[in-house]
Amino acid sequence: TTTGRLPPYGSTGGSGDSNGGARGVKGLEEGTRAIVVDYSFPPGVQGPEHPRPGIRYEGTRRRAYLPDTSEGREVLRLLRVAWERKLIFAIGRSVTTGRENCVVWNGIHHKTSATGGAYGYPDETYLARVKDELKGKGVN
């Protein structure tokens, strides 16, 4: 992945799940709600701070999940700081598709499934690991 800063026009928001409800995070105490974080980037043109200035890049939408616990809310606060500092995403080569000039994750892991799989819950050490990743980027 080539790192670089994104233009200032991406957007992020937090909400209940996509149905407006309070779906939980698998593996946590029954009734624990999920925090849903949505990221959205329109396509654009790379600026001088990017790997290939003047070249178009593909936009993307991403959704991530955190448990609605005190530690999950702390991670959400840290992710907001990382977002404001443009540390969560970069423009580079997609590991998933192999395509170049895409908005890609930039070394701060996110859980993109609330119910299992390689990028989902349960994962007892995720919140501690992501806090370490954020600390490594100067966010604490």
N, C-alpha and C. Protein backbone atom coordinates (compact mmCIF):
# COMPACT_ATOMS: atom_id res chain seq x y z
N THR A 1 0.84 -1.18 0.00
CA THR A 1 0.00 0.00 0.00
C THR A 1 0.88 1.24 0.00
N THR A 2 0.58 2.15 -0.85
CA THR A 2 1.26 3.44 -0.86
C THR A 2 0.48 4.36 0.05
N THR A 3 1.18 5.00 0.97
CA THR A 3 0.46 5.89 1.87
C THR A 3 0.42 7.29 1.31
N GLY A 4 -0.57 8.01 1.71
CA GLY A 4 -0.74 9.40 1.31
C GLY A 4 -1.95 9.96 2.01
N ARG A 5 -2.07 11.24 2.03
CA ARG A 5 -3.22 11.87 2.68
C ARG A 5 -4.34 12.06 1.68
N LEU A 6 -5.55 11.92 2.17
CA LEU A 6 -6.70 12.10 1.30
C LEU A 6 -7.14 13.55 1.29
N PRO A 7 -7.82 13.96 0.23
CA PRO A 7 -8.36 15.31 0.18
C PRO A 7 -9.34 15.52 1.33
N PRO A 8 -9.64 16.75 1.67
CA PRO A 8 -10.47 17.03 2.84
C PRO A 8 -11.95 16.81 2.63
N TYR A 9 -12.38 16.14 1.56
CA TYR A 9 -13.82 16.05 1.34
C TYR A 9 -14.41 14.67 1.52
N GLY A 10 -13.71 13.76 2.15
CA GLY A 10 -14.35 12.51 2.54
C GLY A 10 -15.31 12.82 3.68
N SER A 11 -16.17 11.87 4.01
CA SER A 11 -17.07 12.11 5.13
C SER A 11 -17.16 10.86 5.99
N THR A 12 -17.50 11.05 7.23
CA THR A 12 -17.68 9.93 8.15
C THR A 12 -18.84 10.25 9.07
N GLY A 13 -19.44 9.22 9.60
CA GLY A 13 -20.53 9.42 10.54
C GLY A 13 -20.72 8.18 11.38
N GLY A 14 -21.37 8.31 12.49
CA GLY A 14 -21.68 7.17 13.33
C GLY A 14 -23.18 7.09 13.53
N SER A 15 -23.69 5.88 13.67
CA SER A 15 -25.13 5.72 13.81
C SER A 15 -25.44 4.36 14.39
N GLY A 16 -26.73 4.04 14.47
CA GLY A 16 -27.16 2.68 14.75
C GLY A 16 -26.91 1.87 13.49
N ASP A 17 -27.33 0.62 13.45
CA ASP A 17 -27.05 -0.17 12.25
C ASP A 17 -27.87 0.33 11.07
N SER A 18 -27.67 -0.28 9.91
CA SER A 18 -28.28 0.21 8.68
C SER A 18 -29.81 0.16 8.73
N ASN A 19 -30.37 -0.62 9.63
CA ASN A 19 -31.82 -0.68 9.77
C ASN A 19 -32.31 0.31 10.83
N GLY A 20 -31.40 1.11 11.37
CA GLY A 20 -31.78 2.07 12.39
C GLY A 20 -31.97 1.44 13.76
N GLY A 21 -31.65 0.16 13.89
CA GLY A 21 -31.85 -0.54 15.14
C GLY A 21 -30.60 -0.58 15.98
N ALA A 22 -30.52 -1.56 16.85
CA ALA A 22 -29.41 -1.65 17.79
C ALA A 22 -28.81 -3.04 17.75
N ARG A 23 -28.49 -3.52 16.57
CA ARG A 23 -27.91 -4.85 16.43
C ARG A 23 -26.66 -4.94 17.29
N GLY A 24 -26.44 -6.08 17.91
CA GLY A 24 -25.30 -6.26 18.78
C GLY A 24 -24.06 -6.73 18.04
N VAL A 25 -22.98 -6.84 18.77
CA VAL A 25 -21.71 -7.33 18.26
C VAL A 25 -21.54 -8.75 18.78
N LYS A 26 -21.36 -9.71 17.89
CA LYS A 26 -21.26 -11.12 18.26
C LYS A 26 -20.12 -11.34 19.26
N GLY A 27 -20.41 -12.14 20.28
CA GLY A 27 -19.39 -12.49 21.25
C GLY A 27 -19.39 -11.63 22.49
N LEU A 28 -20.19 -10.57 22.51
CA LEU A 28 -20.28 -9.73 23.70
C LEU A 28 -21.54 -10.06 24.47
N GLU A 29 -21.64 -9.50 25.65
CA GLU A 29 -22.80 -9.73 26.50
C GLU A 29 -24.09 -9.42 25.74
N GLU A 30 -25.07 -10.29 25.91
CA GLU A 30 -26.38 -10.11 25.27
C GLU A 30 -26.90 -8.70 25.55
N GLY A 31 -27.38 -8.05 24.53
CA GLY A 31 -27.94 -6.71 24.67
C GLY A 31 -26.94 -5.59 24.45
N THR A 32 -25.64 -5.92 24.26
CA THR A 32 -24.66 -4.88 23.97
C THR A 32 -24.90 -4.38 22.56
N ARG A 33 -25.11 -3.09 22.43
CA ARG A 33 -25.40 -2.49 21.13
C ARG A 33 -24.12 -2.32 20.32
N ALA A 34 -24.30 -2.11 19.02
CA ALA A 34 -23.17 -1.86 18.13
C ALA A 34 -23.13 -0.38 17.75
N ILE A 35 -21.93 0.16 17.67
CA ILE A 35 -21.70 1.47 17.07
C ILE A 35 -21.32 1.20 15.63
N VAL A 36 -21.98 1.85 14.69
CA VAL A 36 -21.69 1.67 13.27
C VAL A 36 -21.04 2.95 12.77
N VAL A 37 -19.87 2.81 12.14
CA VAL A 37 -19.15 3.96 11.60
C VAL A 37 -19.12 3.81 10.08
N ASP A 38 -19.66 4.80 9.39
CA ASP A 38 -19.68 4.79 7.93
C ASP A 38 -18.67 5.81 7.40
N TYR A 39 -17.87 5.38 6.42
CA TYR A 39 -16.92 6.26 5.75
C TYR A 39 -17.34 6.35 4.28
N SER A 40 -17.23 7.53 3.70
CA SER A 40 -17.61 7.70 2.30
C SER A 40 -16.63 8.65 1.61
N PHE A 41 -16.13 8.23 0.45
CA PHE A 41 -15.23 9.05 -0.36
C PHE A 41 -15.73 9.08 -1.79
N PRO A 42 -15.98 10.24 -2.35
CA PRO A 42 -16.28 10.31 -3.78
C PRO A 42 -14.98 10.13 -4.57
N PRO A 43 -15.08 9.76 -5.84
CA PRO A 43 -13.86 9.70 -6.65
C PRO A 43 -13.29 11.10 -6.81
N GLY A 44 -12.02 11.19 -7.15
CA GLY A 44 -11.40 12.50 -7.30
C GLY A 44 -10.08 12.40 -8.02
N VAL A 45 -9.31 13.47 -7.92
CA VAL A 45 -8.00 13.56 -8.55
C VAL A 45 -6.96 13.72 -7.45
N GLN A 46 -5.89 12.94 -7.53
CA GLN A 46 -4.84 12.99 -6.51
C GLN A 46 -4.13 14.35 -6.54
N GLY A 47 -3.88 14.86 -5.34
CA GLY A 47 -3.17 16.13 -5.19
C GLY A 47 -1.68 15.92 -5.04
N PRO A 48 -0.94 16.98 -4.79
CA PRO A 48 0.52 16.89 -4.69
C PRO A 48 1.01 16.04 -3.51
N GLU A 49 0.16 15.83 -2.51
CA GLU A 49 0.54 15.01 -1.35
C GLU A 49 0.30 13.52 -1.58
N HIS A 50 -0.24 13.14 -2.72
CA HIS A 50 -0.56 11.75 -3.03
C HIS A 50 0.53 11.11 -3.88
N PRO A 51 0.46 9.77 -4.02
CA PRO A 51 1.51 9.06 -4.77
C PRO A 51 1.58 9.43 -6.25
N ARG A 52 0.44 9.77 -6.88
CA ARG A 52 0.42 10.06 -8.32
C ARG A 52 -0.41 11.31 -8.59
N PRO A 53 0.15 12.49 -8.29
CA PRO A 53 -0.60 13.74 -8.49
C PRO A 53 -1.16 13.86 -9.91
N GLY A 54 -2.41 14.33 -9.96
CA GLY A 54 -3.07 14.54 -11.25
C GLY A 54 -3.80 13.32 -11.78
N ILE A 55 -3.60 12.15 -11.17
CA ILE A 55 -4.25 10.91 -11.62
C ILE A 55 -5.53 10.71 -10.80
N ARG A 56 -6.59 10.28 -11.50
CA ARG A 56 -7.86 10.03 -10.82
C ARG A 56 -7.76 8.83 -9.88
N TYR A 57 -8.55 8.85 -8.82
CA TYR A 57 -8.66 7.70 -7.92
C TYR A 57 -10.13 7.35 -7.75
N GLU A 58 -10.37 6.08 -7.43
CA GLU A 58 -11.73 5.59 -7.22
C GLU A 58 -12.18 5.92 -5.81
N GLY A 59 -13.43 6.29 -5.66
CA GLY A 59 -14.00 6.51 -4.35
C GLY A 59 -14.43 5.18 -3.73
N THR A 60 -14.91 5.24 -2.51
CA THR A 60 -15.37 4.03 -1.83
C THR A 60 -16.27 4.39 -0.67
N ARG A 61 -16.98 3.39 -0.18
CA ARG A 61 -17.76 3.49 1.05
C ARG A 61 -17.34 2.31 1.91
N ARG A 62 -17.14 2.55 3.19
CA ARG A 62 -16.78 1.49 4.12
C ARG A 62 -17.63 1.61 5.37
N ARG A 63 -17.94 0.48 5.98
CA ARG A 63 -18.70 0.44 7.23
C ARG A 63 -17.92 -0.40 8.23
N ALA A 64 -17.81 0.11 9.45
CA ALA A 64 -17.10 -0.59 10.52
C ALA A 64 -17.96 -0.64 11.77
N TYR A 65 -17.65 -1.60 12.64
CA TYR A 65 -18.44 -1.83 13.85
C TYR A 65 -17.57 -1.81 15.09
N LEU A 66 -18.11 -1.21 16.13
CA LEU A 66 -17.49 -1.22 17.46
C LEU A 66 -18.57 -1.60 18.46
N PRO A 67 -18.19 -2.25 19.55
CA PRO A 67 -19.19 -2.50 20.59
C PRO A 67 -19.50 -1.19 21.32
N ASP A 68 -20.75 -0.98 21.67
CA ASP A 68 -21.15 0.23 22.39
C ASP A 68 -20.91 0.01 23.89
N THR A 69 -19.63 0.00 24.22
CA THR A 69 -19.15 -0.14 25.60
C THR A 69 -18.25 1.05 25.88
N SER A 70 -17.80 1.21 27.11
CA SER A 70 -16.90 2.34 27.39
C SER A 70 -15.62 2.24 26.56
N GLU A 71 -15.07 1.04 26.41
CA GLU A 71 -13.85 0.89 25.61
C GLU A 71 -14.14 1.10 24.12
N GLY A 72 -15.29 0.64 23.64
CA GLY A 72 -15.67 0.88 22.24
C GLY A 72 -15.84 2.36 21.96
N ARG A 73 -16.45 3.09 22.89
CA ARG A 73 -16.62 4.55 22.72
C ARG A 73 -15.27 5.27 22.77
N GLU A 74 -14.33 4.76 23.58
CA GLU A 74 -12.98 5.33 23.61
C GLU A 74 -12.30 5.14 22.25
N VAL A 75 -12.42 3.94 21.67
CA VAL A 75 -11.84 3.70 20.35
C VAL A 75 -12.51 4.60 19.31
N LEU A 76 -13.82 4.79 19.39
CA LEU A 76 -14.50 5.69 18.47
C LEU A 76 -13.92 7.10 18.57
N ARG A 77 -13.68 7.58 19.78
CA ARG A 77 -13.10 8.91 19.98
C ARG A 77 -11.72 8.98 19.31
N LEU A 78 -10.91 7.94 19.51
CA LEU A 78 -9.57 7.90 18.90
C LEU A 78 -9.65 7.84 17.38
N LEU A 79 -10.62 7.07 16.85
CA LEU A 79 -10.79 7.00 15.40
C LEU A 79 -11.19 8.36 14.83
N ARG A 80 -11.99 9.12 15.57
CA ARG A 80 -12.35 10.47 15.10
C ARG A 80 -11.11 11.35 14.99
N VAL A 81 -10.21 11.25 15.97
CA VAL A 81 -8.96 12.02 15.91
C VAL A 81 -8.14 11.57 14.70
N ALA A 82 -8.02 10.26 14.51
CA ALA A 82 -7.26 9.73 13.37
C ALA A 82 -7.89 10.18 12.05
N TRP A 83 -9.23 10.21 12.00
CA TRP A 83 -9.93 10.67 10.80
C TRP A 83 -9.58 12.13 10.51
N GLU A 84 -9.67 12.97 11.54
CA GLU A 84 -9.38 14.40 11.36
C GLU A 84 -7.94 14.62 10.91
N ARG A 85 -7.04 13.74 11.29
CA ARG A 85 -5.63 13.84 10.89
C ARG A 85 -5.35 13.12 9.56
N LYS A 86 -6.40 12.56 8.96
CA LYS A 86 -6.30 11.86 7.67
C LYS A 86 -5.35 10.67 7.73
N LEU A 87 -5.49 9.86 8.78
CA LEU A 87 -4.60 8.72 8.99
C LEU A 87 -5.24 7.37 8.68
N ILE A 88 -6.56 7.31 8.51
CA ILE A 88 -7.23 6.02 8.40
C ILE A 88 -7.15 5.45 6.99
N PHE A 89 -7.16 6.29 5.97
CA PHE A 89 -7.15 5.83 4.59
C PHE A 89 -5.99 6.46 3.83
N ALA A 90 -5.63 5.83 2.72
CA ALA A 90 -4.61 6.33 1.81
C ALA A 90 -5.07 6.02 0.39
N ILE A 91 -4.34 6.50 -0.58
CA ILE A 91 -4.58 6.12 -1.96
C ILE A 91 -3.48 5.16 -2.36
N GLY A 92 -3.86 4.02 -2.91
CA GLY A 92 -2.87 3.03 -3.27
C GLY A 92 -3.48 1.87 -4.03
N ARG A 93 -2.85 0.71 -3.91
CA ARG A 93 -3.28 -0.51 -4.58
C ARG A 93 -4.17 -1.30 -3.64
N SER A 94 -5.34 -1.69 -4.11
CA SER A 94 -6.26 -2.48 -3.32
C SER A 94 -5.74 -3.91 -3.18
N VAL A 95 -5.59 -4.37 -1.94
CA VAL A 95 -5.18 -5.75 -1.69
C VAL A 95 -6.26 -6.71 -2.17
N THR A 96 -7.52 -6.30 -2.04
CA THR A 96 -8.65 -7.15 -2.40
C THR A 96 -8.79 -7.32 -3.91
N THR A 97 -8.74 -6.22 -4.66
CA THR A 97 -9.01 -6.28 -6.10
C THR A 97 -7.75 -6.19 -6.95
N GLY A 98 -6.65 -5.72 -6.38
CA GLY A 98 -5.42 -5.53 -7.15
C GLY A 98 -5.41 -4.25 -7.98
N ARG A 99 -6.48 -3.47 -7.90
CA ARG A 99 -6.57 -2.24 -8.69
C ARG A 99 -5.75 -1.13 -8.05
N GLU A 100 -5.16 -0.29 -8.89
CA GLU A 100 -4.37 0.85 -8.44
C GLU A 100 -5.27 2.07 -8.27
N ASN A 101 -4.75 3.07 -7.57
CA ASN A 101 -5.42 4.37 -7.42
C ASN A 101 -6.79 4.25 -6.77
N CYS A 102 -6.82 3.52 -5.67
CA CYS A 102 -8.05 3.32 -4.89
C CYS A 102 -7.86 3.88 -3.49
N VAL A 103 -8.95 4.23 -2.85
CA VAL A 103 -8.91 4.57 -1.43
C VAL A 103 -8.80 3.24 -0.68
N VAL A 104 -7.75 3.11 0.15
CA VAL A 104 -7.48 1.86 0.86
C VAL A 104 -7.25 2.14 2.34
N TRP A 105 -7.42 1.10 3.16
CA TRP A 105 -7.11 1.21 4.58
C TRP A 105 -5.63 1.54 4.73
N ASN A 106 -5.28 2.26 5.80
CA ASN A 106 -3.91 2.74 6.00
C ASN A 106 -3.33 2.25 7.32
N GLY A 107 -3.49 0.96 7.63
CA GLY A 107 -2.81 0.38 8.78
C GLY A 107 -3.51 0.51 10.12
N ILE A 108 -4.76 1.00 10.13
CA ILE A 108 -5.55 1.01 11.35
C ILE A 108 -6.71 0.06 11.09
N HIS A 109 -6.64 -1.11 11.71
CA HIS A 109 -7.62 -2.15 11.42
C HIS A 109 -9.02 -1.78 11.92
N HIS A 110 -10.00 -2.18 11.14
CA HIS A 110 -11.41 -1.97 11.47
C HIS A 110 -12.13 -3.31 11.36
N LYS A 111 -13.14 -3.48 12.17
CA LYS A 111 -14.00 -4.66 12.07
C LYS A 111 -15.15 -4.30 11.14
N THR A 112 -15.21 -4.96 9.99
CA THR A 112 -16.22 -4.64 8.99
C THR A 112 -17.39 -5.61 9.00
N SER A 113 -17.43 -6.48 10.00
CA SER A 113 -18.57 -7.37 10.20
C SER A 113 -18.86 -7.43 11.70
N ALA A 114 -20.12 -7.34 12.06
CA ALA A 114 -20.49 -7.42 13.48
C ALA A 114 -20.71 -8.87 13.91
N THR A 115 -20.71 -9.79 12.94
CA THR A 115 -21.16 -11.15 13.27
C THR A 115 -20.20 -12.27 12.89
N GLY A 116 -18.95 -12.00 12.65
CA GLY A 116 -18.02 -13.10 12.42
C GLY A 116 -17.18 -12.92 11.18
N GLY A 117 -16.39 -13.94 10.89
CA GLY A 117 -15.49 -13.90 9.75
C GLY A 117 -14.15 -13.29 10.13
N ALA A 118 -13.25 -13.23 9.17
CA ALA A 118 -11.89 -12.75 9.42
C ALA A 118 -11.86 -11.30 9.88
N TYR A 119 -12.83 -10.50 9.46
CA TYR A 119 -12.83 -9.07 9.80
C TYR A 119 -13.99 -8.71 10.72
N GLY A 120 -14.43 -9.69 11.52
CA GLY A 120 -15.57 -9.46 12.38
C GLY A 120 -15.35 -9.91 13.81
N TYR A 121 -16.42 -9.89 14.54
CA TYR A 121 -16.42 -10.30 15.94
C TYR A 121 -16.96 -11.72 16.01
N PRO A 122 -16.65 -12.49 17.05
CA PRO A 122 -15.94 -12.07 18.25
C PRO A 122 -14.43 -11.99 18.03
N ASP A 123 -13.79 -11.06 18.72
CA ASP A 123 -12.34 -10.88 18.70
C ASP A 123 -11.98 -10.17 19.99
N GLU A 124 -11.62 -10.96 20.98
CA GLU A 124 -11.41 -10.44 22.34
C GLU A 124 -10.29 -9.42 22.45
N THR A 125 -9.33 -9.43 21.52
CA THR A 125 -8.17 -8.53 21.64
C THR A 125 -8.22 -7.35 20.67
N TYR A 126 -9.28 -7.24 19.87
CA TYR A 126 -9.33 -6.20 18.84
C TYR A 126 -9.19 -4.78 19.40
N LEU A 127 -9.97 -4.44 20.41
CA LEU A 127 -9.95 -3.05 20.90
C LEU A 127 -8.57 -2.68 21.44
N ALA A 128 -7.91 -3.58 22.14
CA ALA A 128 -6.55 -3.30 22.62
C ALA A 128 -5.58 -3.15 21.45
N ARG A 129 -5.71 -4.01 20.44
CA ARG A 129 -4.81 -3.94 19.27
C ARG A 129 -4.99 -2.65 18.50
N VAL A 130 -6.25 -2.25 18.27
CA VAL A 130 -6.47 -1.03 17.48
C VAL A 130 -6.01 0.20 18.27
N LYS A 131 -6.13 0.17 19.59
CA LYS A 131 -5.60 1.29 20.38
C LYS A 131 -4.08 1.37 20.24
N ASP A 132 -3.41 0.21 20.19
CA ASP A 132 -1.96 0.20 19.97
C ASP A 132 -1.61 0.74 18.58
N GLU A 133 -2.38 0.36 17.56
CA GLU A 133 -2.14 0.87 16.20
C GLU A 133 -2.32 2.39 16.16
N LEU A 134 -3.36 2.87 16.81
CA LEU A 134 -3.60 4.32 16.86
C LEU A 134 -2.48 5.03 17.61
N LYS A 135 -2.05 4.46 18.72
CA LYS A 135 -0.95 5.05 19.48
C LYS A 135 0.31 5.12 18.62
N GLY A 136 0.56 4.08 17.81
CA GLY A 136 1.71 4.06 16.92
C GLY A 136 1.68 5.16 15.87
N LYS A 137 0.49 5.70 15.61
CA LYS A 137 0.35 6.81 14.66
C LYS A 137 0.20 8.15 15.39
N GLY A 138 0.47 8.14 16.70
CA GLY A 138 0.43 9.37 17.48
C GLY A 138 -0.94 9.77 17.97
N VAL A 139 -1.89 8.84 17.96
CA VAL A 139 -3.25 9.13 18.41
C VAL A 139 -3.48 8.39 19.72
N ASN A 140 -3.63 9.16 20.81
CA ASN A 140 -3.93 8.53 22.11
C ASN A 140 -4.64 9.50 23.02
